[in-house]
Amino acid sequence: MLSLKNGLALGAAIFATGALAQDADNIVLQMEEFTCRDMLVRSGFERDFTIAYMHGYMSGKLNETTFDANKLTLATDAVLDFCISNPDASIMAAFEKARG
């Protein structure tokens, strides 16, 4: 699995080059309906990208402007633990519990 720092860097590189838009079908997700199970069954890159996206979403929601890799790694572990125990919970609930 990608480390958080590498996953974020890879995600940024993909967006910067436009590769994601050229190579992937358009997918529209309602994040409040996206469950922990939905995240857990994703492939490594898709799961890492979802986690990175949700960290970005939460950072924006919490008005955080500092990237603290250790803090985000601990929050990721908390999200995964929560999701394994609560697969039908929303991914937003998992991140709000871990980061909120």
PDB file of N, CA and C in Angstrom:
ATOM      1  N   MET A   1       0.849  -1.176   0.000  1.00  0.00           N
ATOM      2  CA  MET A   1       0.000   0.000   0.000  1.00  0.00           C
ATOM      3  C   MET A   1       0.890   1.234   0.000  1.00  0.00           C
ATOM      4  N   LEU A   2       0.441   2.258  -0.680  1.00  0.00           N
ATOM      5  CA  LEU A   2       1.179   3.516  -0.702  1.00  0.00           C
ATOM      6  C   LEU A   2       1.176   4.156   0.670  1.00  0.00           C
ATOM      7  N   SER A   3       2.272   4.797   1.012  1.00  0.00           N
ATOM      8  CA  SER A   3       2.259   5.582   2.240  1.00  0.00           C
ATOM      9  C   SER A   3       1.402   6.817   1.982  1.00  0.00           C
ATOM     10  N   LEU A   4       0.970   7.442   3.044  1.00  0.00           N
ATOM     11  CA  LEU A   4       0.117   8.617   2.900  1.00  0.00           C
ATOM     12  C   LEU A   4       0.816   9.697   2.083  1.00  0.00           C
ATOM     13  N   LYS A   5       2.089   9.963   2.389  1.00  0.00           N
ATOM     14  CA  LYS A   5       2.816  11.011   1.665  1.00  0.00           C
ATOM     15  C   LYS A   5       2.942  10.663   0.189  1.00  0.00           C
ATOM     16  N   ASN A   6       3.289   9.412  -0.125  1.00  0.00           N
ATOM     17  CA  ASN A   6       3.438   9.006  -1.521  1.00  0.00           C
ATOM     18  C   ASN A   6       2.102   9.007  -2.242  1.00  0.00           C
ATOM     19  N   GLY A   7       1.043   8.577  -1.553  1.00  0.00           N
ATOM     20  CA  GLY A   7      -0.277   8.568  -2.163  1.00  0.00           C
ATOM     21  C   GLY A   7      -0.755   9.959  -2.514  1.00  0.00           C
ATOM     22  N   LEU A   8      -0.530  10.912  -1.621  1.00  0.00           N
ATOM     23  CA  LEU A   8      -0.923  12.295  -1.899  1.00  0.00           C
ATOM     24  C   LEU A   8      -0.109  12.870  -3.046  1.00  0.00           C
ATOM     25  N   ALA A   9       1.190  12.563  -3.069  1.00  0.00           N
ATOM     26  CA  ALA A   9       2.041  13.056  -4.150  1.00  0.00           C
ATOM     27  C   ALA A   9       1.612  12.456  -5.481  1.00  0.00           C
ATOM     28  N   LEU A  10       1.308  11.161  -5.496  1.00  0.00           N
ATOM     29  CA  LEU A  10       0.873  10.508  -6.721  1.00  0.00           C
ATOM     30  C   LEU A  10      -0.456  11.078  -7.190  1.00  0.00           C
ATOM     31  N   GLY A  11      -1.381  11.284  -6.255  1.00  0.00           N
ATOM     32  CA  GLY A  11      -2.664  11.866  -6.621  1.00  0.00           C
ATOM     33  C   GLY A  11      -2.514  13.256  -7.217  1.00  0.00           C
ATOM     34  N   ALA A  12      -1.639  14.060  -6.618  1.00  0.00           N
ATOM     35  CA  ALA A  12      -1.382  15.409  -7.147  1.00  0.00           C
ATOM     36  C   ALA A  12      -0.774  15.337  -8.533  1.00  0.00           C
ATOM     37  N   ALA A  13       0.143  14.410  -8.736  1.00  0.00           N
ATOM     38  CA  ALA A  13       0.790  14.271 -10.048  1.00  0.00           C
ATOM     39  C   ALA A  13      -0.217  13.857 -11.111  1.00  0.00           C
ATOM     40  N   ILE A  14      -1.131  12.974 -10.765  1.00  0.00           N
ATOM     41  CA  ILE A  14      -2.145  12.536 -11.723  1.00  0.00           C
ATOM     42  C   ILE A  14      -3.046  13.692 -12.110  1.00  0.00           C
ATOM     43  N   PHE A  15      -3.499  14.471 -11.122  1.00  0.00           N
ATOM     44  CA  PHE A  15      -4.337  15.617 -11.443  1.00  0.00           C
ATOM     45  C   PHE A  15      -3.572  16.657 -12.244  1.00  0.00           C
ATOM     46  N   ALA A  16      -2.319  16.871 -11.908  1.00  0.00           N
ATOM     47  CA  ALA A  16      -1.525  17.876 -12.610  1.00  0.00           C
ATOM     48  C   ALA A  16      -1.341  17.513 -14.076  1.00  0.00           C
ATOM     49  N   THR A  17      -1.200  16.229 -14.379  1.00  0.00           N
ATOM     50  CA  THR A  17      -0.989  15.811 -15.762  1.00  0.00           C
ATOM     51  C   THR A  17      -2.293  15.571 -16.495  1.00  0.00           C
ATOM     52  N   GLY A  18      -3.382  15.526 -15.777  1.00  0.00           N
ATOM     53  CA  GLY A  18      -4.663  15.276 -16.409  1.00  0.00           C
ATOM     54  C   GLY A  18      -4.879  13.812 -16.754  1.00  0.00           C
ATOM     55  N   ALA A  19      -3.998  12.921 -16.308  1.00  0.00           N
ATOM     56  CA  ALA A  19      -4.101  11.502 -16.660  1.00  0.00           C
ATOM     57  C   ALA A  19      -5.402  10.902 -16.151  1.00  0.00           C
ATOM     58  N   LEU A  20      -5.844  11.309 -14.997  1.00  0.00           N
ATOM     59  CA  LEU A  20      -7.055  10.741 -14.441  1.00  0.00           C
ATOM     60  C   LEU A  20      -8.259  11.053 -15.327  1.00  0.00           C
ATOM     61  N   ALA A  21      -8.366  12.265 -15.773  1.00  0.00           N
ATOM     62  CA  ALA A  21      -9.494  12.657 -16.604  1.00  0.00           C
ATOM     63  C   ALA A  21      -9.459  11.952 -17.958  1.00  0.00           C
ATOM     64  N   GLN A  22      -8.272  11.671 -18.495  1.00  0.00           N
ATOM     65  CA  GLN A  22      -8.150  11.044 -19.803  1.00  0.00           C
ATOM     66  C   GLN A  22      -8.372   9.539 -19.752  1.00  0.00           C
ATOM     67  N   ASP A  23      -7.990   8.899 -18.658  1.00  0.00           N
ATOM     68  CA  ASP A  23      -7.970   7.445 -18.618  1.00  0.00           C
ATOM     69  C   ASP A  23      -9.127   6.809 -17.859  1.00  0.00           C
ATOM     70  N   ALA A  24      -9.904   7.575 -17.128  1.00  0.00           N
ATOM     71  CA  ALA A  24     -10.951   6.984 -16.293  1.00  0.00           C
ATOM     72  C   ALA A  24     -12.319   7.442 -16.761  1.00  0.00           C
ATOM     73  N   ASP A  25     -13.310   6.569 -16.552  1.00  0.00           N
ATOM     74  CA  ASP A  25     -14.685   6.958 -16.795  1.00  0.00           C
ATOM     75  C   ASP A  25     -15.088   7.980 -15.751  1.00  0.00           C
ATOM     76  N   ASN A  26     -16.048   8.813 -16.101  1.00  0.00           N
ATOM     77  CA  ASN A  26     -16.553   9.785 -15.136  1.00  0.00           C
ATOM     78  C   ASN A  26     -17.338   9.046 -14.067  1.00  0.00           C
ATOM     79  N   ILE A  27     -16.970   9.242 -12.811  1.00  0.00           N
ATOM     80  CA  ILE A  27     -17.653   8.611 -11.694  1.00  0.00           C
ATOM     81  C   ILE A  27     -18.167   9.714 -10.790  1.00  0.00           C
ATOM     82  N   VAL A  28     -19.430   9.653 -10.439  1.00  0.00           N
ATOM     83  CA  VAL A  28     -20.032  10.625  -9.546  1.00  0.00           C
ATOM     84  C   VAL A  28     -20.497   9.879  -8.300  1.00  0.00           C
ATOM     85  N   LEU A  29     -19.982  10.282  -7.153  1.00  0.00           N
ATOM     86  CA  LEU A  29     -20.339   9.645  -5.887  1.00  0.00           C
ATOM     87  C   LEU A  29     -20.923  10.682  -4.947  1.00  0.00           C
ATOM     88  N   GLN A  30     -21.941  10.301  -4.228  1.00  0.00           N
ATOM     89  CA  GLN A  30     -22.462  11.125  -3.150  1.00  0.00           C
ATOM     90  C   GLN A  30     -21.740  10.662  -1.887  1.00  0.00           C
ATOM     91  N   MET A  31     -20.849  11.475  -1.360  1.00  0.00           N
ATOM     92  CA  MET A  31     -19.992  11.041  -0.269  1.00  0.00           C
ATOM     93  C   MET A  31     -20.783  10.648   0.977  1.00  0.00           C
ATOM     94  N   GLU A  32     -21.937  11.266   1.213  1.00  0.00           N
ATOM     95  CA  GLU A  32     -22.710  10.881   2.390  1.00  0.00           C
ATOM     96  C   GLU A  32     -23.313   9.488   2.246  1.00  0.00           C
ATOM     97  N   GLU A  33     -23.356   8.947   1.018  1.00  0.00           N
ATOM     98  CA  GLU A  33     -23.864   7.593   0.782  1.00  0.00           C
ATOM     99  C   GLU A  33     -22.739   6.566   0.631  1.00  0.00           C
ATOM    100  N   PHE A  34     -21.502   7.014   0.557  1.00  0.00           N
ATOM    101  CA  PHE A  34     -20.342   6.139   0.383  1.00  0.00           C
ATOM    102  C   PHE A  34     -20.024   5.507   1.738  1.00  0.00           C
ATOM    103  N   THR A  35     -20.058   4.186   1.818  1.00  0.00           N
ATOM    104  CA  THR A  35     -19.891   3.510   3.097  1.00  0.00           C
ATOM    105  C   THR A  35     -18.453   3.055   3.326  1.00  0.00           C
ATOM    106  N   CYS A  36     -18.194   2.695   4.561  1.00  0.00           N
ATOM    107  CA  CYS A  36     -16.894   2.120   4.894  1.00  0.00           C
ATOM    108  C   CYS A  36     -16.641   0.875   4.053  1.00  0.00           C
ATOM    109  N   ARG A  37     -17.669   0.057   3.863  1.00  0.00           N
ATOM    110  CA  ARG A  37     -17.522  -1.149   3.046  1.00  0.00           C
ATOM    111  C   ARG A  37     -17.107  -0.778   1.619  1.00  0.00           C
ATOM    112  N   ASP A  38     -17.731   0.280   1.073  1.00  0.00           N
ATOM    113  CA  ASP A  38     -17.374   0.736  -0.274  1.00  0.00           C
ATOM    114  C   ASP A  38     -15.888   1.069  -0.358  1.00  0.00           C
ATOM    115  N   MET A  39     -15.366   1.708   0.675  1.00  0.00           N
ATOM    116  CA  MET A  39     -13.948   2.064   0.680  1.00  0.00           C
ATOM    117  C   MET A  39     -13.077   0.834   0.861  1.00  0.00           C
ATOM    118  N   LEU A  40     -13.463  -0.041   1.772  1.00  0.00           N
ATOM    119  CA  LEU A  40     -12.630  -1.204   2.091  1.00  0.00           C
ATOM    120  C   LEU A  40     -12.494  -2.182   0.926  1.00  0.00           C
ATOM    121  N   VAL A  41     -13.493  -2.267   0.061  1.00  0.00           N
ATOM    122  CA  VAL A  41     -13.419  -3.206  -1.060  1.00  0.00           C
ATOM    123  C   VAL A  41     -12.696  -2.630  -2.277  1.00  0.00           C
ATOM    124  N   ARG A  42     -12.326  -1.367  -2.227  1.00  0.00           N
ATOM    125  CA  ARG A  42     -11.591  -0.756  -3.338  1.00  0.00           C
ATOM    126  C   ARG A  42     -10.181  -1.326  -3.428  1.00  0.00           C
ATOM    127  N   SER A  43      -9.608  -1.259  -4.630  1.00  0.00           N
ATOM    128  CA  SER A  43      -8.219  -1.690  -4.821  1.00  0.00           C
ATOM    129  C   SER A  43      -7.292  -0.741  -4.075  1.00  0.00           C
ATOM    130  N   GLY A  44      -6.033  -1.101  -3.955  1.00  0.00           N
ATOM    131  CA  GLY A  44      -5.064  -0.304  -3.203  1.00  0.00           C
ATOM    132  C   GLY A  44      -5.035   1.157  -3.609  1.00  0.00           C
ATOM    133  N   PHE A  45      -4.876   1.452  -4.915  1.00  0.00           N
ATOM    134  CA  PHE A  45      -4.803   2.839  -5.351  1.00  0.00           C
ATOM    135  C   PHE A  45      -6.120   3.558  -5.117  1.00  0.00           C
ATOM    136  N   GLU A  46      -7.239   2.918  -5.449  1.00  0.00           N
ATOM    137  CA  GLU A  46      -8.543   3.559  -5.261  1.00  0.00           C
ATOM    138  C   GLU A  46      -8.798   3.848  -3.788  1.00  0.00           C
ATOM    139  N   ARG A  47      -8.421   2.909  -2.922  1.00  0.00           N
ATOM    140  CA  ARG A  47      -8.598   3.120  -1.486  1.00  0.00           C
ATOM    141  C   ARG A  47      -7.705   4.263  -1.011  1.00  0.00           C
ATOM    142  N   ASP A  48      -6.444   4.252  -1.425  1.00  0.00           N
ATOM    143  CA  ASP A  48      -5.517   5.316  -1.033  1.00  0.00           C
ATOM    144  C   ASP A  48      -6.008   6.679  -1.522  1.00  0.00           C
ATOM    145  N   PHE A  49      -6.512   6.722  -2.746  1.00  0.00           N
ATOM    146  CA  PHE A  49      -7.004   7.979  -3.296  1.00  0.00           C
ATOM    147  C   PHE A  49      -8.232   8.458  -2.522  1.00  0.00           C
ATOM    148  N   THR A  50      -9.138   7.528  -2.178  1.00  0.00           N
ATOM    149  CA  THR A  50     -10.324   7.886  -1.397  1.00  0.00           C
ATOM    150  C   THR A  50      -9.924   8.455  -0.042  1.00  0.00           C
ATOM    151  N   ILE A  51      -8.955   7.817   0.606  1.00  0.00           N
ATOM    152  CA  ILE A  51      -8.490   8.289   1.909  1.00  0.00           C
ATOM    153  C   ILE A  51      -7.855   9.671   1.767  1.00  0.00           C
ATOM    154  N   ALA A  52      -7.025   9.859   0.750  1.00  0.00           N
ATOM    155  CA  ALA A  52      -6.391  11.166   0.537  1.00  0.00           C
ATOM    156  C   ALA A  52      -7.449  12.233   0.250  1.00  0.00           C
ATOM    157  N   TYR A  53      -8.439  11.893  -0.570  1.00  0.00           N
ATOM    158  CA  TYR A  53      -9.516  12.832  -0.875  1.00  0.00           C
ATOM    159  C   TYR A  53     -10.257  13.230   0.403  1.00  0.00           C
ATOM    160  N   MET A  54     -10.596  12.233   1.210  1.00  0.00           N
ATOM    161  CA  MET A  54     -11.349  12.521   2.430  1.00  0.00           C
ATOM    162  C   MET A  54     -10.522  13.333   3.426  1.00  0.00           C
ATOM    163  N   HIS A  55      -9.220  13.080   3.485  1.00  0.00           N
ATOM    164  CA  HIS A  55      -8.382  13.920   4.347  1.00  0.00           C
ATOM    165  C   HIS A  55      -8.410  15.370   3.850  1.00  0.00           C
ATOM    166  N   GLY A  56      -8.346  15.552   2.546  1.00  0.00           N
ATOM    167  CA  GLY A  56      -8.426  16.904   1.983  1.00  0.00           C
ATOM    168  C   GLY A  56      -9.768  17.548   2.273  1.00  0.00           C
ATOM    169  N   TYR A  57     -10.831  16.778   2.120  1.00  0.00           N
ATOM    170  CA  TYR A  57     -12.173  17.290   2.426  1.00  0.00           C
ATOM    171  C   TYR A  57     -12.269  17.730   3.879  1.00  0.00           C
ATOM    172  N   MET A  58     -11.798  16.860   4.772  1.00  0.00           N
ATOM    173  CA  MET A  58     -11.870  17.183   6.205  1.00  0.00           C
ATOM    174  C   MET A  58     -10.972  18.367   6.556  1.00  0.00           C
ATOM    175  N   SER A  59      -9.794  18.442   5.940  1.00  0.00           N
ATOM    176  CA  SER A  59      -8.912  19.583   6.213  1.00  0.00           C
ATOM    177  C   SER A  59      -9.587  20.885   5.809  1.00  0.00           C
ATOM    178  N   GLY A  60     -10.270  20.866   4.664  1.00  0.00           N
ATOM    179  CA  GLY A  60     -11.003  22.050   4.236  1.00  0.00           C
ATOM    180  C   GLY A  60     -12.154  22.372   5.173  1.00  0.00           C
ATOM    181  N   LYS A  61     -12.897  21.352   5.548  1.00  0.00           N
ATOM    182  CA  LYS A  61     -14.039  21.539   6.447  1.00  0.00           C
ATOM    183  C   LYS A  61     -13.590  22.081   7.803  1.00  0.00           C
ATOM    184  N   LEU A  62     -12.429  21.627   8.276  1.00  0.00           N
ATOM    185  CA  LEU A  62     -11.906  22.064   9.571  1.00  0.00           C
ATOM    186  C   LEU A  62     -11.028  23.312   9.459  1.00  0.00           C
ATOM    187  N   ASN A  63     -10.908  23.854   8.229  1.00  0.00           N
ATOM    188  CA  ASN A  63     -10.091  25.036   7.968  1.00  0.00           C
ATOM    189  C   ASN A  63      -8.632  24.837   8.405  1.00  0.00           C
ATOM    190  N   GLU A  64      -8.125  23.622   8.191  1.00  0.00           N
ATOM    191  CA  GLU A  64      -6.734  23.311   8.527  1.00  0.00           C
ATOM    192  C   GLU A  64      -5.847  23.618   7.326  1.00  0.00           C
ATOM    193  N   THR A  65      -4.747  24.278   7.570  1.00  0.00           N
ATOM    194  CA  THR A  65      -3.824  24.607   6.491  1.00  0.00           C
ATOM    195  C   THR A  65      -2.446  23.989   6.706  1.00  0.00           C
ATOM    196  N   THR A  66      -2.324  23.134   7.704  1.00  0.00           N
ATOM    197  CA  THR A  66      -1.049  22.485   8.001  1.00  0.00           C
ATOM    198  C   THR A  66      -1.144  21.011   7.647  1.00  0.00           C
ATOM    199  N   PHE A  67      -0.127  20.503   6.954  1.00  0.00           N
ATOM    200  CA  PHE A  67      -0.038  19.082   6.632  1.00  0.00           C
ATOM    201  C   PHE A  67       0.857  18.425   7.672  1.00  0.00           C
ATOM    202  N   ASP A  68       0.266  17.635   8.546  1.00  0.00           N
ATOM    203  CA  ASP A  68       1.001  16.923   9.590  1.00  0.00           C
ATOM    204  C   ASP A  68       0.890  15.435   9.279  1.00  0.00           C
ATOM    205  N   ALA A  69       1.918  14.867   8.643  1.00  0.00           N
ATOM    206  CA  ALA A  69       1.873  13.483   8.177  1.00  0.00           C
ATOM    207  C   ALA A  69       1.623  12.508   9.317  1.00  0.00           C
ATOM    208  N   ASN A  70       2.229  12.734  10.479  1.00  0.00           N
ATOM    209  CA  ASN A  70       2.021  11.823  11.609  1.00  0.00           C
ATOM    210  C   ASN A  70       0.570  11.855  12.069  1.00  0.00           C
ATOM    211  N   LYS A  71       0.003  13.039  12.169  1.00  0.00           N
ATOM    212  CA  LYS A  71      -1.392  13.183  12.595  1.00  0.00           C
ATOM    213  C   LYS A  71      -2.334  12.515  11.588  1.00  0.00           C
ATOM    214  N   LEU A  72      -2.074  12.709  10.303  1.00  0.00           N
ATOM    215  CA  LEU A  72      -2.931  12.120   9.273  1.00  0.00           C
ATOM    216  C   LEU A  72      -2.795  10.597   9.238  1.00  0.00           C
ATOM    217  N   THR A  73      -1.594  10.104   9.500  1.00  0.00           N
ATOM    218  CA  THR A  73      -1.383   8.654   9.541  1.00  0.00           C
ATOM    219  C   THR A  73      -2.163   8.040  10.700  1.00  0.00           C
ATOM    220  N   LEU A  74      -2.130   8.682  11.859  1.00  0.00           N
ATOM    221  CA  LEU A  74      -2.900   8.201  13.007  1.00  0.00           C
ATOM    222  C   LEU A  74      -4.400   8.257  12.716  1.00  0.00           C
ATOM    223  N   ALA A  75      -4.848   9.318  12.068  1.00  0.00           N
ATOM    224  CA  ALA A  75      -6.260   9.444  11.719  1.00  0.00           C
ATOM    225  C   ALA A  75      -6.658   8.367  10.708  1.00  0.00           C
ATOM    226  N   THR A  76      -5.780   8.078   9.754  1.00  0.00           N
ATOM    227  CA  THR A  76      -6.055   7.018   8.777  1.00  0.00           C
ATOM    228  C   THR A  76      -6.216   5.682   9.475  1.00  0.00           C
ATOM    229  N   ASP A  77      -5.329   5.379  10.411  1.00  0.00           N
ATOM    230  CA  ASP A  77      -5.441   4.134  11.181  1.00  0.00           C
ATOM    231  C   ASP A  77      -6.769   4.079  11.927  1.00  0.00           C
ATOM    232  N   ALA A  78      -7.177   5.207  12.512  1.00  0.00           N
ATOM    233  CA  ALA A  78      -8.448   5.266  13.243  1.00  0.00           C
ATOM    234  C   ALA A  78      -9.630   5.046  12.298  1.00  0.00           C
ATOM    235  N   VAL A  79      -9.563   5.630  11.105  1.00  0.00           N
ATOM    236  CA  VAL A  79     -10.629   5.453  10.108  1.00  0.00           C
ATOM    237  C   VAL A  79     -10.724   3.981   9.714  1.00  0.00           C
ATOM    238  N   LEU A  80      -9.594   3.365   9.411  1.00  0.00           N
ATOM    239  CA  LEU A  80      -9.611   1.960   8.998  1.00  0.00           C
ATOM    240  C   LEU A  80     -10.137   1.060  10.109  1.00  0.00           C
ATOM    241  N   ASP A  81      -9.715   1.293  11.345  1.00  0.00           N
ATOM    242  CA  ASP A  81     -10.222   0.509  12.479  1.00  0.00           C
ATOM    243  C   ASP A  81     -11.729   0.677  12.621  1.00  0.00           C
ATOM    244  N   PHE A  82     -12.200   1.932  12.529  1.00  0.00           N
ATOM    245  CA  PHE A  82     -13.627   2.217  12.618  1.00  0.00           C
ATOM    246  C   PHE A  82     -14.386   1.511  11.498  1.00  0.00           C
ATOM    247  N   CYS A  83     -13.863   1.599  10.278  1.00  0.00           N
ATOM    248  CA  CYS A  83     -14.550   1.025   9.121  1.00  0.00           C
ATOM    249  C   CYS A  83     -14.599  -0.498   9.180  1.00  0.00           C
ATOM    250  N   ILE A  84     -13.540  -1.120   9.666  1.00  0.00           N
ATOM    251  CA  ILE A  84     -13.541  -2.577   9.800  1.00  0.00           C
ATOM    252  C   ILE A  84     -14.617  -3.007  10.798  1.00  0.00           C
ATOM    253  N   SER A  85     -14.771  -2.240  11.870  1.00  0.00           N
ATOM    254  CA  SER A  85     -15.773  -2.558  12.893  1.00  0.00           C
ATOM    255  C   SER A  85     -17.182  -2.123  12.510  1.00  0.00           C
ATOM    256  N   ASN A  86     -17.290  -1.153  11.598  1.00  0.00           N
ATOM    257  CA  ASN A  86     -18.590  -0.570  11.219  1.00  0.00           C
ATOM    258  C   ASN A  86     -18.702  -0.445   9.702  1.00  0.00           C
ATOM    259  N   PRO A  87     -18.713  -1.555   8.975  1.00  0.00           N
ATOM    260  CA  PRO A  87     -18.664  -1.477   7.506  1.00  0.00           C
ATOM    261  C   PRO A  87     -19.846  -0.767   6.860  1.00  0.00           C
ATOM    262  N   ASP A  88     -20.980  -0.706   7.534  1.00  0.00           N
ATOM    263  CA  ASP A  88     -22.146  -0.045   6.943  1.00  0.00           C
ATOM    264  C   ASP A  88     -22.229   1.443   7.283  1.00  0.00           C
ATOM    265  N   ALA A  89     -21.300   1.935   8.098  1.00  0.00           N
ATOM    266  CA  ALA A  89     -21.268   3.369   8.425  1.00  0.00           C
ATOM    267  C   ALA A  89     -20.783   4.154   7.213  1.00  0.00           C
ATOM    268  N   SER A  90     -21.134   5.423   7.168  1.00  0.00           N
ATOM    269  CA  SER A  90     -20.663   6.261   6.060  1.00  0.00           C
ATOM    270  C   SER A  90     -19.183   6.591   6.256  1.00  0.00           C
ATOM    271  N   ILE A  91     -18.496   6.757   5.147  1.00  0.00           N
ATOM    272  CA  ILE A  91     -17.081   7.131   5.201  1.00  0.00           C
ATOM    273  C   ILE A  91     -16.940   8.505   5.847  1.00  0.00           C
ATOM    274  N   MET A  92     -17.937   9.374   5.638  1.00  0.00           N
ATOM    275  CA  MET A  92     -17.896  10.692   6.267  1.00  0.00           C
ATOM    276  C   MET A  92     -17.954  10.575   7.780  1.00  0.00           C
ATOM    277  N   ALA A  93     -18.781   9.668   8.298  1.00  0.00           N
ATOM    278  CA  ALA A  93     -18.867   9.469   9.749  1.00  0.00           C
ATOM    279  C   ALA A  93     -17.538   8.978  10.296  1.00  0.00           C
ATOM    280  N   ALA A  94     -16.877   8.096   9.563  1.00  0.00           N
ATOM    281  CA  ALA A  94     -15.579   7.572  10.000  1.00  0.00           C
ATOM    282  C   ALA A  94     -14.545   8.690  10.092  1.00  0.00           C
ATOM    283  N   PHE A  95     -14.514   9.551   9.092  1.00  0.00           N
ATOM    284  CA  PHE A  95     -13.536  10.657   9.104  1.00  0.00           C
ATOM    285  C   PHE A  95     -13.900  11.715  10.118  1.00  0.00           C
ATOM    286  N   GLU A  96     -15.182  11.983  10.297  1.00  0.00           N
ATOM    287  CA  GLU A  96     -15.587  12.961  11.315  1.00  0.00           C
ATOM    288  C   GLU A  96     -15.207  12.466  12.709  1.00  0.00           C
ATOM    289  N   LYS A  97     -15.333  11.163  12.955  1.00  0.00           N
ATOM    290  CA  LYS A  97     -14.968  10.606  14.242  1.00  0.00           C
ATOM    291  C   LYS A  97     -13.451  10.678  14.435  1.00  0.00           C
ATOM    292  N   ALA A  98     -12.690  10.370  13.399  1.00  0.00           N
ATOM    293  CA  ALA A  98     -11.238  10.344  13.509  1.00  0.00           C
ATOM    294  C   ALA A  98     -10.616  11.738  13.493  1.00  0.00           C
ATOM    295  N   ARG A  99     -11.231  12.683  12.774  1.00  0.00           N
ATOM    296  CA  ARG A  99     -10.615  13.991  12.594  1.00  0.00           C
ATOM    297  C   ARG A  99     -11.376  15.108  13.274  1.00  0.00           C
ATOM    298  N   GLY A 100     -12.683  14.909  13.514  1.00  0.00           N
ATOM    299  CA  GLY A 100     -13.517  15.979  14.036  1.00  0.00           C
ATOM    300  C   GLY A 100     -13.331  16.161  15.485  1.00  0.00           C
TER     301      GLY A 100
END
